[in-house]
Amino acid sequence: MSSQSARSDKILVVDDSPDNVFLIKTILEEEGYTISTAENGISALTQLQASPCDLVLLDLMMPGMDGYEVTRRIRGDIKMQQQYIPILLITAHDAPNVAHGLDLGADD
């Protein structure tokens, strides 16, 4: 059995840059992951409440609700706490506040 056919992990990619989403989605789908996407924090939270995933790849720098706030809301949501969802913060920013993201509940 190939690794692609054995995978069923669902990953939510949250980024306001369509180019970044396309790149991440293409790479992960080639590895056999099931990918859903959201272009902002509100959409990400709505999707997670409707259908939890196995991992969130979350951009820090988004207009409106940034990745820090999305992380805080995920970790503060009782329903989402029932199934722990790892959160990996991603950013193109030179000096993100990693400690702040980790304090809010991000995994890396």
Protein backbone atom coordinates (compact mmCIF):
# COMPACT_ATOMS: atom_id res chain seq x y z
CA MET A 1 0.00 0.00 0.00
CA SER A 2 1.48 3.38 -0.93
CA SER A 3 1.79 6.18 1.59
CA GLN A 4 -0.60 8.29 -0.47
CA SER A 5 -3.43 5.77 -0.36
CA ALA A 6 -2.93 5.19 3.38
CA ARG A 7 -3.22 8.88 4.32
CA SER A 8 -6.47 10.39 5.43
CA ASP A 9 -5.18 13.39 7.39
CA LYS A 10 -7.20 16.55 6.85
CA ILE A 11 -5.30 19.83 6.91
CA LEU A 12 -6.81 23.32 6.97
CA VAL A 13 -4.58 25.92 5.30
CA VAL A 14 -5.46 29.48 6.34
CA ASP A 15 -3.79 32.31 4.41
CA ASP A 16 -4.98 35.48 2.70
CA SER A 17 -2.44 35.05 -0.11
CA PRO A 18 -3.84 32.85 -2.92
CA ASP A 19 -0.29 32.12 -4.14
CA ASN A 20 0.75 30.78 -0.73
CA VAL A 21 -2.40 28.67 -0.46
CA PHE A 22 -1.87 27.24 -3.95
CA LEU A 23 1.75 26.32 -3.21
CA ILE A 24 1.04 24.70 0.16
CA LYS A 25 -2.06 22.90 -1.13
CA THR A 26 -0.23 21.54 -4.18
CA ILE A 27 2.67 20.19 -2.13
CA LEU A 28 0.48 18.57 0.52
CA GLU A 29 -2.02 17.06 -1.91
CA GLU A 30 0.88 15.43 -3.77
CA GLU A 31 1.75 13.77 -0.46
CA GLY A 32 -1.80 12.44 -0.16
CA TYR A 33 -3.28 14.85 2.38
CA THR A 34 -6.84 16.14 2.13
CA ILE A 35 -6.66 19.93 2.08
CA SER A 36 -9.27 22.54 2.77
CA THR A 37 -8.55 26.25 2.67
CA ALA A 38 -9.73 29.49 4.23
CA GLU A 39 -8.74 32.99 3.21
CA ASN A 40 -9.35 34.61 6.60
CA GLY A 41 -9.80 33.88 10.28
CA ILE A 42 -13.59 33.99 10.35
CA SER A 43 -13.83 31.47 7.51
CA ALA A 44 -11.30 29.22 9.25
CA LEU A 45 -13.24 29.22 12.52
CA THR A 46 -16.50 28.52 10.70
CA GLN A 47 -14.95 25.56 8.87
CA LEU A 48 -13.39 24.16 12.04
CA GLN A 49 -16.68 24.33 13.93
CA ALA A 50 -18.47 22.54 11.09
CA SER A 51 -15.80 19.93 10.38
CA PRO A 52 -12.69 19.56 12.54
CA CYS A 53 -9.39 18.73 10.88
CA ASP A 54 -6.16 17.03 11.96
CA LEU A 55 -3.89 20.07 11.58
CA VAL A 56 -4.17 23.82 10.97
CA LEU A 57 -1.49 25.70 9.02
CA LEU A 58 -2.24 29.29 9.98
CA ASP A 59 -0.80 32.51 8.56
CA LEU A 60 -0.02 35.07 11.25
CA MET A 61 -0.36 38.22 9.17
CA MET A 62 -3.90 38.48 7.81
CA PRO A 63 -6.17 41.52 7.61
CA GLY A 64 -9.03 41.65 10.07
CA MET A 65 -8.42 38.72 12.39
CA ASP A 66 -4.75 37.76 12.53
CA GLY A 67 -3.38 34.29 13.23
CA TYR A 68 -2.82 35.07 16.91
CA GLU A 69 -6.52 35.83 17.40
CA VAL A 70 -7.57 32.74 15.43
CA THR A 71 -5.30 30.60 17.64
CA ARG A 72 -6.75 32.18 20.80
CA ARG A 73 -10.31 31.47 19.63
CA ILE A 74 -9.56 27.88 18.63
CA ARG A 75 -7.98 27.14 21.99
CA GLY A 76 -10.83 28.91 23.82
CA ASP A 77 -13.62 27.04 22.04
CA ILE A 78 -14.98 24.23 24.23
CA LYS A 79 -16.20 22.19 21.24
CA MET A 80 -12.78 22.33 19.56
CA GLN A 81 -11.05 21.42 22.82
CA GLN A 82 -12.76 18.01 22.73
CA GLN A 83 -10.53 17.04 19.77
CA TYR A 84 -7.09 18.59 20.10
CA ILE A 85 -6.07 20.18 16.79
CA PRO A 86 -2.38 21.05 16.35
CA ILE A 87 -1.77 24.57 15.04
CA LEU A 88 1.37 25.49 13.09
CA LEU A 89 1.85 29.21 12.54
CA ILE A 90 3.33 30.30 9.23
CA THR A 91 4.54 33.74 8.21
CA ALA A 92 6.69 35.57 5.72
CA HIS A 93 7.29 38.30 8.30
CA ASP A 94 10.93 38.74 9.32
CA ALA A 95 10.49 38.63 13.09
CA PRO A 96 7.22 37.05 14.22
CA ASN A 97 6.54 36.95 17.93
CA VAL A 98 6.92 33.20 18.30
CA ALA A 99 6.56 33.28 22.08
CA HIS A 100 3.21 35.07 21.82
CA GLY A 101 1.88 32.45 19.40
CA LEU A 102 3.02 29.63 21.65
CA ASP A 103 1.48 31.34 24.70
CA LEU A 104 -1.85 31.42 22.86
CA GLY A 105 -1.71 27.68 22.21
CA ALA A 106 0.06 27.24 18.87
CA ASP A 107 2.21 24.13 18.64
CA ASP A 108 4.99 25.58 16.50
